[in-house]
C-alpha atoms as a PDB file:
ATOM      1  CA  UNK A   1     -22.458 -27.019 -11.341  1.00  0.00           C
ATOM      2  CA  UNK A   2     -24.749 -24.352 -11.328  1.00  0.00           C
ATOM      3  CA  UNK A   3     -23.583 -21.381 -13.291  1.00  0.00           C
ATOM      4  CA  UNK A   4     -25.948 -18.431 -12.510  1.00  0.00           C
ATOM      5  CA  UNK A   5     -29.132 -17.813 -10.061  1.00  0.00           C
ATOM      6  CA  UNK A   6     -31.863 -18.645 -12.949  1.00  0.00           C
ATOM      7  CA  UNK A   7     -30.184 -22.253 -13.126  1.00  0.00           C
ATOM      8  CA  UNK A   8     -30.273 -22.449  -9.274  1.00  0.00           C
ATOM      9  CA  UNK A   9     -34.169 -21.248  -9.647  1.00  0.00           C
ATOM     10  CA  UNK A  10     -34.749 -23.544 -12.253  1.00  0.00           C
ATOM     11  CA  UNK A  11     -33.738 -26.926 -10.243  1.00  0.00           C
ATOM     12  CA  UNK A  12     -34.950 -25.550  -6.900  1.00  0.00           C
ATOM     13  CA  UNK A  13     -38.230 -25.296  -8.940  1.00  0.00           C
ATOM     14  CA  UNK A  14     -37.615 -29.105 -10.777  1.00  0.00           C
ATOM     15  CA  UNK A  15     -37.266 -30.576  -7.108  1.00  0.00           C
ATOM     16  CA  UNK A  16     -40.216 -28.636  -5.672  1.00  0.00           C
ATOM     17  CA  UNK A  17     -42.151 -30.530  -8.962  1.00  0.00           C
ATOM     18  CA  UNK A  18     -40.824 -33.994  -7.982  1.00  0.00           C
ATOM     19  CA  UNK A  19     -40.765 -33.708  -4.048  1.00  0.00           C
ATOM     20  CA  UNK A  20     -44.382 -31.926  -4.117  1.00  0.00           C
ATOM     21  CA  UNK A  21     -45.148 -28.774  -3.432  1.00  0.00           C
ATOM     22  CA  UNK A  22     -45.653 -27.795   0.575  1.00  0.00           C
ATOM     23  CA  UNK A  23     -47.803 -24.921   0.199  1.00  0.00           C
ATOM     24  CA  UNK A  24     -46.866 -22.045   2.881  1.00  0.00           C
ATOM     25  CA  UNK A  25     -49.018 -19.568   4.652  1.00  0.00           C
ATOM     26  CA  UNK A  26     -46.845 -16.411   4.490  1.00  0.00           C
ATOM     27  CA  UNK A  27     -47.562 -13.177   6.300  1.00  0.00           C
ATOM     28  CA  UNK A  28     -45.983  -9.625   4.477  1.00  0.00           C
ATOM     29  CA  UNK A  29     -46.009  -6.631   6.351  1.00  0.00           C
ATOM     30  CA  UNK A  30     -45.024  -3.753   3.859  1.00  0.00           C
ATOM     31  CA  UNK A  31     -46.547  -0.281   3.052  1.00  0.00           C
ATOM     32  CA  UNK A  32     -45.212  -0.440  -0.317  1.00  0.00           C
ATOM     33  CA  UNK A  33     -47.725  -1.722  -2.913  1.00  0.00           C
ATOM     34  CA  UNK A  34     -45.178  -2.199  -5.825  1.00  0.00           C
ATOM     35  CA  UNK A  35     -43.260  -4.713  -3.259  1.00  0.00           C
ATOM     36  CA  UNK A  36     -46.271  -6.342  -2.139  1.00  0.00           C
ATOM     37  CA  UNK A  37     -47.429  -6.861  -5.611  1.00  0.00           C
ATOM     38  CA  UNK A  38     -43.757  -8.564  -6.456  1.00  0.00           C
ATOM     39  CA  UNK A  39     -44.193 -11.134  -3.137  1.00  0.00           C
ATOM     40  CA  UNK A  40     -47.624 -12.002  -4.587  1.00  0.00           C
ATOM     41  CA  UNK A  41     -46.556 -12.725  -8.175  1.00  0.00           C
ATOM     42  CA  UNK A  42     -43.739 -15.159  -6.317  1.00  0.00           C
ATOM     43  CA  UNK A  43     -46.504 -16.658  -3.856  1.00  0.00           C
ATOM     44  CA  UNK A  44     -48.725 -17.325  -6.718  1.00  0.00           C
ATOM     45  CA  UNK A  45     -45.698 -19.442  -8.680  1.00  0.00           C
ATOM     46  CA  UNK A  46     -44.962 -21.176  -5.769  1.00  0.00           C
ATOM     47  CA  UNK A  47     -48.979 -21.867  -5.073  1.00  0.00           C
ATOM     48  CA  UNK A  48     -48.574 -20.119  -1.511  1.00  0.00           C
ATOM     49  CA  UNK A  49     -51.066 -18.637   0.292  1.00  0.00           C
ATOM     50  CA  UNK A  50     -50.438 -14.694   1.171  1.00  0.00           C
ATOM     51  CA  UNK A  51     -51.540 -12.772   3.485  1.00  0.00           C
ATOM     52  CA  UNK A  52     -50.417  -8.458   3.667  1.00  0.00           C
ATOM     53  CA  UNK A  53     -51.016  -6.095   6.372  1.00  0.00           C
ATOM     54  CA  UNK A  54     -49.811  -2.425   5.034  1.00  0.00           C
ATOM     55  CA  UNK A  55     -49.275  -1.499   8.827  1.00  0.00           C
ATOM     56  CA  UNK A  56     -48.055  -2.804  12.193  1.00  0.00           C
ATOM     57  CA  UNK A  57     -50.632  -2.064  14.552  1.00  0.00           C
ATOM     58  CA  UNK A  58     -53.258  -3.786  12.169  1.00  0.00           C
ATOM     59  CA  UNK A  59     -50.177  -6.914  11.771  1.00  0.00           C
ATOM     60  CA  UNK A  60     -49.936  -7.151  15.438  1.00  0.00           C
ATOM     61  CA  UNK A  61     -53.939  -7.705  15.729  1.00  0.00           C
ATOM     62  CA  UNK A  62     -54.329  -9.930  13.322  1.00  0.00           C
ATOM     63  CA  UNK A  63     -51.303 -12.222  13.717  1.00  0.00           C
ATOM     64  CA  UNK A  64     -51.375 -15.128  16.139  1.00  0.00           C
ATOM     65  CA  UNK A  65     -49.684 -18.295  17.151  1.00  0.00           C
ATOM     66  CA  UNK A  66     -50.253 -20.921  14.007  1.00  0.00           C
ATOM     67  CA  UNK A  67     -51.535 -18.394  11.451  1.00  0.00           C
ATOM     68  CA  UNK A  68     -48.382 -18.114   9.281  1.00  0.00           C
ATOM     69  CA  UNK A  69     -45.720 -20.176   8.323  1.00  0.00           C
ATOM     70  CA  UNK A  70     -43.633 -17.503   7.675  1.00  0.00           C
ATOM     71  CA  UNK A  71     -43.612 -13.738   8.171  1.00  0.00           C
ATOM     72  CA  UNK A  72     -41.641 -11.099   6.174  1.00  0.00           C
ATOM     73  CA  UNK A  73     -41.650  -7.653   7.770  1.00  0.00           C
ATOM     74  CA  UNK A  74     -40.033  -4.605   6.416  1.00  0.00           C
ATOM     75  CA  UNK A  75     -38.403  -2.880   9.108  1.00  0.00           C
ATOM     76  CA  UNK A  76     -39.466   0.720   8.068  1.00  0.00           C
ATOM     77  CA  UNK A  77     -43.049   1.007   7.860  1.00  0.00           C
ATOM     78  CA  UNK A  78     -43.557   4.822   6.590  1.00  0.00           C
ATOM     79  CA  UNK A  79     -46.583   5.450   8.219  1.00  0.00           C
ATOM     80  CA  UNK A  80     -47.189   3.202  11.199  1.00  0.00           C
ATOM     81  CA  UNK A  81     -46.326   4.194  14.395  1.00  0.00           C
ATOM     82  CA  UNK A  82     -44.474   1.108  15.085  1.00  0.00           C
ATOM     83  CA  UNK A  83     -41.733  -0.156  12.919  1.00  0.00           C
ATOM     84  CA  UNK A  84     -40.628  -3.321  11.780  1.00  0.00           C
ATOM     85  CA  UNK A  85     -38.400  -4.157  14.822  1.00  0.00           C
ATOM     86  CA  UNK A  86     -41.483  -3.162  17.458  1.00  0.00           C
ATOM     87  CA  UNK A  87     -43.553  -5.510  15.892  1.00  0.00           C
ATOM     88  CA  UNK A  88     -41.016  -8.721  15.696  1.00  0.00           C
ATOM     89  CA  UNK A  89     -40.604  -8.096  19.435  1.00  0.00           C
ATOM     90  CA  UNK A  90     -44.304  -7.789  20.245  1.00  0.00           C
ATOM     91  CA  UNK A  91     -45.052 -10.953  18.437  1.00  0.00           C
ATOM     92  CA  UNK A  92     -42.442 -12.682  19.739  1.00  0.00           C
ATOM     93  CA  UNK A  93     -44.192 -11.580  23.166  1.00  0.00           C
ATOM     94  CA  UNK A  94     -47.337 -12.599  21.889  1.00  0.00           C
ATOM     95  CA  UNK A  95     -46.076 -16.355  21.557  1.00  0.00           C
ATOM     96  CA  UNK A  96     -45.712 -16.382  17.888  1.00  0.00           C
ATOM     97  CA  UNK A  97     -42.782 -18.905  17.088  1.00  0.00           C
ATOM     98  CA  UNK A  98     -43.329 -18.840  13.108  1.00  0.00           C
ATOM     99  CA  UNK A  99     -39.672 -17.784  11.253  1.00  0.00           C
ATOM    100  CA  UNK A 100     -39.485 -13.835  11.054  1.00  0.00           C
ATOM    101  CA  UNK A 101     -37.820 -12.450   8.047  1.00  0.00           C
ATOM    102  CA  UNK A 102     -36.520  -8.343   8.282  1.00  0.00           C
ATOM    103  CA  UNK A 103     -36.163  -6.815   5.050  1.00  0.00           C
ATOM    104  CA  UNK A 104     -34.312  -3.803   5.031  1.00  0.00           C
ATOM    105  CA  UNK A 105     -32.241  -1.216   3.379  1.00  0.00           C
ATOM    106  CA  UNK A 106     -29.856  -0.608   6.077  1.00  0.00           C
ATOM    107  CA  UNK A 107     -26.381  -2.114   6.580  1.00  0.00           C
ATOM    108  CA  UNK A 108     -25.400  -5.306   8.285  1.00  0.00           C
ATOM    109  CA  UNK A 109     -24.114  -3.693  10.774  1.00  0.00           C
ATOM    110  CA  UNK A 110     -27.574  -3.257  12.562  1.00  0.00           C
ATOM    111  CA  UNK A 111     -27.757  -7.496  12.432  1.00  0.00           C
ATOM    112  CA  UNK A 112     -27.629  -7.471  16.315  1.00  0.00           C
ATOM    113  CA  UNK A 113     -30.851  -5.653  16.607  1.00  0.00           C
ATOM    114  CA  UNK A 114     -32.455  -8.025  14.141  1.00  0.00           C
ATOM    115  CA  UNK A 115     -31.872 -10.551  15.765  1.00  0.00           C
ATOM    116  CA  UNK A 116     -32.427  -8.992  19.310  1.00  0.00           C
ATOM    117  CA  UNK A 117     -35.928  -8.171  18.084  1.00  0.00           C
ATOM    118  CA  UNK A 118     -36.980 -11.567  17.506  1.00  0.00           C
ATOM    119  CA  UNK A 119     -36.103 -12.051  13.205  1.00  0.00           C
ATOM    120  CA  UNK A 120     -34.500 -14.857  12.455  1.00  0.00           C
ATOM    121  CA  UNK A 121     -32.810 -13.353   9.339  1.00  0.00           C
ATOM    122  CA  UNK A 122     -32.856 -10.165   7.501  1.00  0.00           C
ATOM    123  CA  UNK A 123     -32.435  -9.355   3.998  1.00  0.00           C
ATOM    124  CA  UNK A 124     -30.869  -6.048   2.651  1.00  0.00           C
ATOM    125  CA  UNK A 125     -32.609  -4.205  -0.404  1.00  0.00           C
ATOM    126  CA  UNK A 126     -32.515  -4.229  -3.164  1.00  0.00           C
ATOM    127  CA  UNK A 127     -34.356  -7.969  -3.296  1.00  0.00           C
ATOM    128  CA  UNK A 128     -33.969 -10.118  -6.359  1.00  0.00           C
ATOM    129  CA  UNK A 129     -36.835 -12.772  -7.173  1.00  0.00           C
ATOM    130  CA  UNK A 130     -34.663 -15.441  -6.808  1.00  0.00           C
ATOM    131  CA  UNK A 131     -33.714 -14.222  -3.077  1.00  0.00           C
ATOM    132  CA  UNK A 132     -37.190 -14.104  -2.236  1.00  0.00           C
ATOM    133  CA  UNK A 133     -37.534 -17.199  -3.813  1.00  0.00           C
ATOM    134  CA  UNK A 134     -34.510 -18.846  -1.825  1.00  0.00           C
ATOM    135  CA  UNK A 135     -35.693 -17.458   0.980  1.00  0.00           C
ATOM    136  CA  UNK A 136     -39.021 -18.877   1.012  1.00  0.00           C
ATOM    137  CA  UNK A 137     -37.985 -22.243   0.507  1.00  0.00           C
ATOM    138  CA  UNK A 138     -35.363 -22.361   3.155  1.00  0.00           C
ATOM    139  CA  UNK A 139     -38.123 -22.146   5.510  1.00  0.00           C
ATOM    140  CA  UNK A 140     -40.687 -24.675   3.273  1.00  0.00           C
ATOM    141  CA  UNK A 141     -39.288 -27.612   4.811  1.00  0.00           C
END
């Protein structure tokens, strides 16, 4: 029986070592450098590749079909003219099929908006390291 999140993380890490690490190409659209630094460290732990964009416009110009295994988008991109939901819709309109995970501080009552925009799921802030790891691992296989 798993007692806490740390033990669950250690079991997942052990499983990854036994089965072999499946390296992922993760794209992160986020305007907060502290959040980017956190995901960079998490990706280093998992030996995953991470590409980051500070705004939706640059991300939309660079993300194409087959460029990512997982896309993580903050829904509130402060300085950007395009928010994360608009970016998700545009990526889907451009044929991008990679899973999109929205990150938001908004309540779950907006869940339908995230799904309608093409997001596969959303995570509510604040996000723990264990939640980030579990989310990435769900899409790893």
